[in-house]
Amino acid sequence: MRTLQKAQNLYDDVRLKLKDDYRDEFYDEIRISNNMVKILQKYYQNEIEIIAEEIDAEYQIFIHAGDKPNYYKSDEEIKQVLPSMAEKIKQETNIIKVSRYADEYFTWSEHLQLDVSQLKNDYKTKISSMIYDKIINGSMEYLT
């Protein structure tokens, strides 16, 4: 845990020292799964319960940290990525991952001014069904 804390402190220190010299994208690139570090730190300090689904979703972000971020891609490159994002929304069974994929997909679709009303309806139906199933199975009682 000390290693995680040191990594977070280093990132925060670099951000403070260089904040006026670089764009936010630079800091997004040097930060490796900041959310996962925060989750693990809060769990270690007994502030939250650890949820495997959240860690798995953050780990997927960590694995792809070296990929070219979408905000650096051209509109044409984004158009090529959108079908795979849509497929991930349709195929994924993890609520957190579905939400992340959908957020990114709908953000870029709006940027490109694409009509995605059918996928939005499908997403709303899917996420509602997934939440309902979790409640019925008792794994997300707090949502009732």
N, C-alpha and C. Protein backbone atom coordinates (compact mmCIF):
# COMPACT_ATOMS: atom_id res chain seq x y z
N MET A 1 0.82 -1.19 0.00
CA MET A 1 0.00 0.00 0.00
C MET A 1 0.87 1.26 0.00
N ARG A 2 2.02 1.16 0.64
CA ARG A 2 2.91 2.32 0.64
C ARG A 2 3.38 2.65 -0.77
N THR A 3 3.60 1.62 -1.57
CA THR A 3 4.02 1.84 -2.95
C THR A 3 2.94 2.57 -3.72
N LEU A 4 1.70 2.16 -3.53
CA LEU A 4 0.58 2.84 -4.19
C LEU A 4 0.50 4.30 -3.75
N GLN A 5 0.64 4.51 -2.44
CA GLN A 5 0.58 5.87 -1.93
C GLN A 5 1.73 6.71 -2.49
N LYS A 6 2.92 6.13 -2.58
CA LYS A 6 4.06 6.86 -3.14
C LYS A 6 3.82 7.22 -4.60
N ALA A 7 3.24 6.27 -5.35
CA ALA A 7 2.94 6.54 -6.76
C ALA A 7 1.94 7.67 -6.89
N GLN A 8 0.92 7.66 -6.05
CA GLN A 8 -0.09 8.72 -6.09
C GLN A 8 0.54 10.05 -5.68
N ASN A 9 1.36 10.04 -4.66
CA ASN A 9 2.02 11.28 -4.22
C ASN A 9 2.93 11.83 -5.29
N LEU A 10 3.66 10.96 -5.98
CA LEU A 10 4.53 11.40 -7.07
C LEU A 10 3.71 12.05 -8.18
N TYR A 11 2.62 11.40 -8.56
CA TYR A 11 1.76 11.96 -9.60
C TYR A 11 1.25 13.34 -9.16
N ASP A 12 0.76 13.44 -7.93
CA ASP A 12 0.23 14.71 -7.43
C ASP A 12 1.31 15.78 -7.42
N ASP A 13 2.53 15.40 -7.03
CA ASP A 13 3.64 16.34 -6.98
C ASP A 13 4.00 16.84 -8.38
N VAL A 14 4.09 15.93 -9.33
CA VAL A 14 4.39 16.31 -10.72
C VAL A 14 3.31 17.25 -11.23
N ARG A 15 2.08 16.92 -10.94
CA ARG A 15 0.96 17.76 -11.40
C ARG A 15 1.06 19.17 -10.82
N LEU A 16 1.39 19.29 -9.55
CA LEU A 16 1.52 20.61 -8.93
C LEU A 16 2.69 21.41 -9.51
N LYS A 17 3.80 20.74 -9.73
CA LYS A 17 5.00 21.43 -10.22
C LYS A 17 4.86 21.89 -11.67
N LEU A 18 4.16 21.12 -12.48
CA LEU A 18 4.13 21.40 -13.92
C LEU A 18 2.78 21.87 -14.44
N LYS A 19 1.83 22.14 -13.58
CA LYS A 19 0.45 22.38 -14.02
C LYS A 19 0.29 23.46 -15.07
N ASP A 20 1.12 24.46 -15.06
CA ASP A 20 0.97 25.53 -16.04
C ASP A 20 1.68 25.25 -17.35
N ASP A 21 2.51 24.22 -17.38
CA ASP A 21 3.33 23.98 -18.55
C ASP A 21 2.76 22.96 -19.54
N TYR A 22 1.80 22.14 -19.09
CA TYR A 22 1.30 21.07 -19.94
C TYR A 22 -0.22 21.05 -19.95
N ARG A 23 -0.76 20.49 -21.00
CA ARG A 23 -2.21 20.32 -21.10
C ARG A 23 -2.64 19.14 -20.23
N ASP A 24 -3.92 19.09 -19.92
CA ASP A 24 -4.45 18.01 -19.08
C ASP A 24 -4.22 16.63 -19.69
N GLU A 25 -4.17 16.54 -21.01
CA GLU A 25 -3.97 15.25 -21.66
C GLU A 25 -2.64 14.62 -21.24
N PHE A 26 -1.63 15.46 -21.04
CA PHE A 26 -0.33 14.95 -20.59
C PHE A 26 -0.48 14.22 -19.25
N TYR A 27 -1.19 14.82 -18.34
CA TYR A 27 -1.36 14.23 -17.02
C TYR A 27 -2.22 12.97 -17.08
N ASP A 28 -3.18 12.97 -18.00
CA ASP A 28 -4.00 11.76 -18.18
C ASP A 28 -3.14 10.60 -18.68
N GLU A 29 -2.14 10.91 -19.47
CA GLU A 29 -1.27 9.86 -20.00
C GLU A 29 -0.30 9.32 -18.96
N ILE A 30 0.22 10.18 -18.08
CA ILE A 30 1.18 9.68 -17.10
C ILE A 30 0.49 9.04 -15.90
N ARG A 31 -0.77 9.30 -15.72
CA ARG A 31 -1.51 8.69 -14.62
C ARG A 31 -1.95 7.30 -15.06
N ILE A 32 -1.61 6.27 -14.33
CA ILE A 32 -2.00 4.90 -14.65
C ILE A 32 -3.06 4.47 -13.66
N SER A 33 -4.27 4.39 -14.12
CA SER A 33 -5.39 3.91 -13.34
C SER A 33 -5.47 4.56 -11.97
N ASN A 34 -5.54 5.86 -11.94
CA ASN A 34 -5.65 6.61 -10.70
C ASN A 34 -6.85 6.16 -9.88
N ASN A 35 -7.95 5.84 -10.54
CA ASN A 35 -9.14 5.40 -9.82
C ASN A 35 -8.89 4.10 -9.07
N MET A 36 -8.16 3.17 -9.68
CA MET A 36 -7.88 1.91 -9.01
C MET A 36 -7.03 2.15 -7.76
N VAL A 37 -6.05 3.03 -7.86
CA VAL A 37 -5.21 3.34 -6.71
C VAL A 37 -6.07 3.91 -5.59
N LYS A 38 -6.97 4.82 -5.93
CA LYS A 38 -7.84 5.41 -4.90
C LYS A 38 -8.75 4.37 -4.27
N ILE A 39 -9.30 3.48 -5.07
CA ILE A 39 -10.16 2.42 -4.55
C ILE A 39 -9.38 1.55 -3.57
N LEU A 40 -8.18 1.13 -3.97
CA LEU A 40 -7.37 0.28 -3.10
C LEU A 40 -6.95 0.99 -1.83
N GLN A 41 -6.62 2.27 -1.92
CA GLN A 41 -6.25 3.02 -0.73
C GLN A 41 -7.43 3.14 0.23
N LYS A 42 -8.60 3.47 -0.29
CA LYS A 42 -9.78 3.61 0.58
C LYS A 42 -10.16 2.27 1.21
N TYR A 43 -10.00 1.19 0.45
CA TYR A 43 -10.27 -0.13 1.01
C TYR A 43 -9.28 -0.44 2.13
N TYR A 44 -8.01 -0.16 1.89
CA TYR A 44 -6.97 -0.42 2.88
C TYR A 44 -7.23 0.38 4.17
N GLN A 45 -7.77 1.57 4.02
CA GLN A 45 -8.05 2.42 5.18
C GLN A 45 -9.44 2.16 5.76
N ASN A 46 -10.08 1.06 5.30
CA ASN A 46 -11.41 0.65 5.78
C ASN A 46 -12.48 1.71 5.56
N GLU A 47 -12.36 2.48 4.49
CA GLU A 47 -13.35 3.51 4.19
C GLU A 47 -14.44 2.99 3.26
N ILE A 48 -14.12 1.98 2.46
CA ILE A 48 -15.09 1.41 1.53
C ILE A 48 -14.92 -0.10 1.46
N GLU A 49 -15.92 -0.76 0.91
CA GLU A 49 -15.82 -2.18 0.59
C GLU A 49 -15.27 -2.29 -0.82
N ILE A 50 -14.45 -3.27 -1.06
CA ILE A 50 -13.89 -3.47 -2.39
C ILE A 50 -14.87 -4.30 -3.21
N ILE A 51 -15.08 -3.91 -4.44
CA ILE A 51 -16.01 -4.59 -5.33
C ILE A 51 -15.22 -5.11 -6.53
N ALA A 52 -15.26 -6.41 -6.72
CA ALA A 52 -14.47 -7.04 -7.78
C ALA A 52 -14.78 -6.46 -9.15
N GLU A 53 -16.04 -6.14 -9.40
CA GLU A 53 -16.42 -5.60 -10.70
C GLU A 53 -15.75 -4.25 -10.97
N GLU A 54 -15.65 -3.41 -9.94
CA GLU A 54 -14.99 -2.12 -10.11
C GLU A 54 -13.50 -2.29 -10.38
N ILE A 55 -12.87 -3.18 -9.63
CA ILE A 55 -11.45 -3.43 -9.82
C ILE A 55 -11.20 -3.99 -11.21
N ASP A 56 -12.05 -4.90 -11.65
CA ASP A 56 -11.91 -5.48 -12.99
C ASP A 56 -12.03 -4.40 -14.06
N ALA A 57 -13.00 -3.52 -13.91
CA ALA A 57 -13.17 -2.44 -14.89
C ALA A 57 -11.95 -1.51 -14.90
N GLU A 58 -11.45 -1.17 -13.72
CA GLU A 58 -10.27 -0.31 -13.65
C GLU A 58 -9.04 -1.02 -14.20
N TYR A 59 -8.95 -2.32 -13.99
CA TYR A 59 -7.81 -3.08 -14.51
C TYR A 59 -7.81 -3.07 -16.04
N GLN A 60 -8.98 -3.15 -16.64
CA GLN A 60 -9.07 -3.08 -18.10
C GLN A 60 -8.56 -1.74 -18.61
N ILE A 61 -8.86 -0.68 -17.88
CA ILE A 61 -8.35 0.64 -18.25
C ILE A 61 -6.82 0.64 -18.13
N PHE A 62 -6.31 0.05 -17.06
CA PHE A 62 -4.87 -0.04 -16.84
C PHE A 62 -4.18 -0.78 -17.99
N ILE A 63 -4.76 -1.90 -18.41
CA ILE A 63 -4.18 -2.70 -19.48
C ILE A 63 -4.07 -1.90 -20.77
N HIS A 64 -5.05 -1.07 -21.04
CA HIS A 64 -5.08 -0.31 -22.28
C HIS A 64 -4.51 1.10 -22.12
N ALA A 65 -3.82 1.34 -21.02
CA ALA A 65 -3.29 2.67 -20.76
C ALA A 65 -2.31 3.14 -21.84
N GLY A 66 -1.63 2.21 -22.49
CA GLY A 66 -0.67 2.58 -23.52
C GLY A 66 -1.31 2.83 -24.88
N ASP A 67 -2.56 2.48 -25.03
CA ASP A 67 -3.25 2.70 -26.30
C ASP A 67 -3.40 4.20 -26.56
N LYS A 68 -3.49 4.54 -27.82
CA LYS A 68 -3.69 5.94 -28.19
C LYS A 68 -5.06 6.36 -27.67
N PRO A 69 -5.12 7.36 -26.80
CA PRO A 69 -6.41 7.80 -26.26
C PRO A 69 -7.32 8.31 -27.37
N ASN A 70 -8.61 8.11 -27.20
CA ASN A 70 -9.57 8.51 -28.23
C ASN A 70 -9.55 10.01 -28.49
N TYR A 71 -9.24 10.81 -27.48
CA TYR A 71 -9.25 12.26 -27.71
C TYR A 71 -8.10 12.71 -28.59
N TYR A 72 -7.14 11.81 -28.88
CA TYR A 72 -6.07 12.12 -29.83
C TYR A 72 -6.38 11.60 -31.23
N LYS A 73 -7.45 10.86 -31.37
CA LYS A 73 -7.78 10.27 -32.66
C LYS A 73 -8.55 11.26 -33.52
N SER A 74 -8.41 11.08 -34.82
CA SER A 74 -9.18 11.91 -35.76
C SER A 74 -10.62 11.44 -35.77
N ASP A 75 -11.49 12.23 -36.36
CA ASP A 75 -12.90 11.83 -36.46
C ASP A 75 -13.04 10.52 -37.23
N GLU A 76 -12.23 10.34 -38.24
CA GLU A 76 -12.28 9.09 -39.01
C GLU A 76 -11.86 7.90 -38.17
N GLU A 77 -10.83 8.08 -37.37
CA GLU A 77 -10.39 7.00 -36.49
C GLU A 77 -11.47 6.66 -35.45
N ILE A 78 -12.13 7.68 -34.94
CA ILE A 78 -13.22 7.45 -33.98
C ILE A 78 -14.36 6.69 -34.65
N LYS A 79 -14.70 7.07 -35.88
CA LYS A 79 -15.77 6.36 -36.60
C LYS A 79 -15.44 4.87 -36.75
N GLN A 80 -14.17 4.56 -36.89
CA GLN A 80 -13.77 3.15 -37.02
C GLN A 80 -13.86 2.40 -35.69
N VAL A 81 -13.72 3.11 -34.59
CA VAL A 81 -13.76 2.49 -33.26
C VAL A 81 -15.20 2.31 -32.76
N LEU A 82 -16.10 3.16 -33.19
CA LEU A 82 -17.47 3.15 -32.66
C LEU A 82 -18.18 1.80 -32.80
N PRO A 83 -18.07 1.10 -33.92
CA PRO A 83 -18.77 -0.20 -33.99
C PRO A 83 -18.31 -1.20 -32.94
N SER A 84 -17.01 -1.22 -32.64
CA SER A 84 -16.55 -2.14 -31.60
C SER A 84 -17.03 -1.70 -30.23
N MET A 85 -17.13 -0.39 -30.00
CA MET A 85 -17.69 0.10 -28.74
C MET A 85 -19.15 -0.30 -28.61
N ALA A 86 -19.90 -0.17 -29.69
CA ALA A 86 -21.32 -0.55 -29.67
C ALA A 86 -21.46 -2.04 -29.38
N GLU A 87 -20.59 -2.84 -29.96
CA GLU A 87 -20.63 -4.29 -29.72
C GLU A 87 -20.31 -4.61 -28.26
N LYS A 88 -19.38 -3.89 -27.68
CA LYS A 88 -19.06 -4.09 -26.27
C LYS A 88 -20.27 -3.78 -25.39
N ILE A 89 -20.99 -2.73 -25.74
CA ILE A 89 -22.20 -2.38 -24.97
C ILE A 89 -23.20 -3.51 -25.05
N LYS A 90 -23.37 -4.08 -26.22
CA LYS A 90 -24.35 -5.15 -26.41
C LYS A 90 -23.93 -6.45 -25.75
N GLN A 91 -22.64 -6.78 -25.75
CA GLN A 91 -22.17 -8.08 -25.28
C GLN A 91 -21.80 -8.12 -23.80
N GLU A 92 -21.41 -7.01 -23.24
CA GLU A 92 -20.89 -6.98 -21.87
C GLU A 92 -21.96 -7.34 -20.85
N THR A 93 -21.56 -8.06 -19.82
CA THR A 93 -22.49 -8.47 -18.77
C THR A 93 -22.20 -7.81 -17.43
N ASN A 94 -21.19 -6.97 -17.37
CA ASN A 94 -20.81 -6.26 -16.16
C ASN A 94 -21.40 -4.85 -16.22
N ILE A 95 -22.19 -4.49 -15.24
CA ILE A 95 -22.87 -3.19 -15.25
C ILE A 95 -21.89 -2.03 -15.36
N ILE A 96 -20.82 -2.09 -14.61
CA ILE A 96 -19.85 -0.99 -14.62
C ILE A 96 -19.21 -0.84 -15.99
N LYS A 97 -18.82 -1.96 -16.59
CA LYS A 97 -18.20 -1.89 -17.91
C LYS A 97 -19.19 -1.40 -18.97
N VAL A 98 -20.42 -1.88 -18.90
CA VAL A 98 -21.44 -1.44 -19.86
C VAL A 98 -21.60 0.07 -19.77
N SER A 99 -21.67 0.59 -18.55
CA SER A 99 -21.83 2.03 -18.35
C SER A 99 -20.65 2.82 -18.90
N ARG A 100 -19.45 2.32 -18.67
CA ARG A 100 -18.26 3.01 -19.19
C ARG A 100 -18.22 3.00 -20.72
N TYR A 101 -18.51 1.84 -21.31
CA TYR A 101 -18.52 1.75 -22.76
C TYR A 101 -19.58 2.68 -23.34
N ALA A 102 -20.74 2.68 -22.72
CA ALA A 102 -21.84 3.51 -23.21
C ALA A 102 -21.50 4.99 -23.09
N ASP A 103 -20.92 5.38 -21.99
CA ASP A 103 -20.55 6.78 -21.79
C ASP A 103 -19.61 7.25 -22.90
N GLU A 104 -18.60 6.44 -23.15
CA GLU A 104 -17.64 6.83 -24.19
C GLU A 104 -18.29 6.81 -25.57
N TYR A 105 -19.07 5.78 -25.84
CA TYR A 105 -19.71 5.66 -27.15
C TYR A 105 -20.65 6.85 -27.41
N PHE A 106 -21.49 7.17 -26.44
CA PHE A 106 -22.46 8.24 -26.65
C PHE A 106 -21.79 9.62 -26.70
N THR A 107 -20.72 9.79 -25.96
CA THR A 107 -19.98 11.05 -26.02
C THR A 107 -19.40 11.28 -27.41
N TRP A 108 -18.74 10.25 -27.96
CA TRP A 108 -18.14 10.40 -29.29
C TRP A 108 -19.19 10.46 -30.39
N SER A 109 -20.27 9.75 -30.22
CA SER A 109 -21.35 9.81 -31.22
C SER A 109 -21.97 11.20 -31.28
N GLU A 110 -22.11 11.80 -30.10
CA GLU A 110 -22.64 13.17 -30.06
C GLU A 110 -21.67 14.13 -30.73
N HIS A 111 -20.38 13.95 -30.45
CA HIS A 111 -19.35 14.79 -31.07
C HIS A 111 -19.41 14.69 -32.60
N LEU A 112 -19.63 13.48 -33.09
CA LEU A 112 -19.69 13.27 -34.54
C LEU A 112 -21.08 13.50 -35.11
N GLN A 113 -22.02 13.86 -34.24
CA GLN A 113 -23.41 14.15 -34.62
C GLN A 113 -24.06 12.97 -35.34
N LEU A 114 -23.90 11.78 -34.74
CA LEU A 114 -24.50 10.56 -35.29
C LEU A 114 -25.82 10.26 -34.60
N ASP A 115 -26.74 9.68 -35.34
CA ASP A 115 -28.01 9.27 -34.74
C ASP A 115 -27.82 7.89 -34.12
N VAL A 116 -27.88 7.85 -32.81
CA VAL A 116 -27.68 6.59 -32.09
C VAL A 116 -28.89 6.29 -31.20
N SER A 117 -30.04 6.79 -31.60
CA SER A 117 -31.24 6.65 -30.77
C SER A 117 -31.60 5.19 -30.51
N GLN A 118 -31.41 4.30 -31.50
CA GLN A 118 -31.75 2.90 -31.29
C GLN A 118 -30.84 2.27 -30.24
N LEU A 119 -29.54 2.53 -30.32
CA LEU A 119 -28.62 1.97 -29.33
C LEU A 119 -28.89 2.57 -27.95
N LYS A 120 -29.27 3.85 -27.88
CA LYS A 120 -29.62 4.45 -26.59
C LYS A 120 -30.80 3.72 -25.96
N ASN A 121 -31.80 3.44 -26.76
CA ASN A 121 -32.96 2.71 -26.24
C ASN A 121 -32.57 1.30 -25.80
N ASP A 122 -31.75 0.63 -26.60
CA ASP A 122 -31.28 -0.71 -26.24
C ASP A 122 -30.46 -0.67 -24.95
N TYR A 123 -29.62 0.35 -24.82
CA TYR A 123 -28.80 0.49 -23.63
C TYR A 123 -29.66 0.71 -22.38
N LYS A 124 -30.64 1.60 -22.49
CA LYS A 124 -31.52 1.87 -21.35
C LYS A 124 -32.25 0.60 -20.91
N THR A 125 -32.72 -0.16 -21.88
CA THR A 125 -33.41 -1.42 -21.57
C THR A 125 -32.45 -2.40 -20.92
N LYS A 126 -31.26 -2.52 -21.47
CA LYS A 126 -30.27 -3.47 -20.94
C LYS A 126 -29.85 -3.10 -19.53
N ILE A 127 -29.51 -1.85 -19.30
CA ILE A 127 -29.01 -1.45 -17.98
C ILE A 127 -30.12 -1.58 -16.94
N SER A 128 -31.35 -1.25 -17.31
CA SER A 128 -32.47 -1.42 -16.38
C SER A 128 -32.66 -2.88 -16.02
N SER A 129 -32.57 -3.73 -17.01
CA SER A 129 -32.70 -5.17 -16.79
C SER A 129 -31.58 -5.70 -15.92
N MET A 130 -30.36 -5.23 -16.16
CA MET A 130 -29.22 -5.69 -15.38
C MET A 130 -29.36 -5.27 -13.91
N ILE A 131 -29.78 -4.04 -13.69
CA ILE A 131 -29.97 -3.56 -12.31
C ILE A 131 -31.10 -4.34 -11.64
N TYR A 132 -32.18 -4.54 -12.36
CA TYR A 132 -33.31 -5.31 -11.81
C TYR A 132 -32.86 -6.72 -11.41
N ASP A 133 -32.09 -7.36 -12.28
CA ASP A 133 -31.60 -8.71 -11.98
C ASP A 133 -30.72 -8.72 -10.73
N LYS A 134 -29.89 -7.71 -10.58
CA LYS A 134 -29.02 -7.63 -9.40
C LYS A 134 -29.85 -7.46 -8.13
N ILE A 135 -30.90 -6.64 -8.23
CA ILE A 135 -31.76 -6.42 -7.06
C ILE A 135 -32.50 -7.70 -6.71
N ILE A 136 -33.06 -8.38 -7.70
CA ILE A 136 -33.80 -9.62 -7.47
C ILE A 136 -32.89 -10.68 -6.85
N ASN A 137 -31.65 -10.76 -7.32
CA ASN A 137 -30.69 -11.73 -6.79
C ASN A 137 -30.13 -11.33 -5.43
N GLY A 138 -30.46 -10.11 -4.99
CA GLY A 138 -30.01 -9.65 -3.68
C GLY A 138 -28.59 -9.13 -3.63
N SER A 139 -27.96 -8.95 -4.77
CA SER A 139 -26.57 -8.51 -4.75
C SER A 139 -26.43 -6.98 -4.76
N MET A 140 -27.52 -6.27 -4.94
CA MET A 140 -27.48 -4.81 -4.90
C MET A 140 -28.69 -4.28 -4.14
N GLU A 141 -28.84 -4.73 -2.90
CA GLU A 141 -30.01 -4.39 -2.11
C GLU A 141 -30.17 -2.88 -1.92
N TYR A 142 -29.07 -2.15 -1.88
CA TYR A 142 -29.15 -0.71 -1.66
C TYR A 142 -29.87 0.03 -2.79
N LEU A 143 -30.01 -0.60 -3.96
CA LEU A 143 -30.72 0.05 -5.06
C LEU A 143 -32.24 -0.06 -4.95
N THR A 144 -32.72 -0.96 -4.08
CA THR A 144 -34.17 -1.11 -3.96
C THR A 144 -34.79 0.15 -3.40
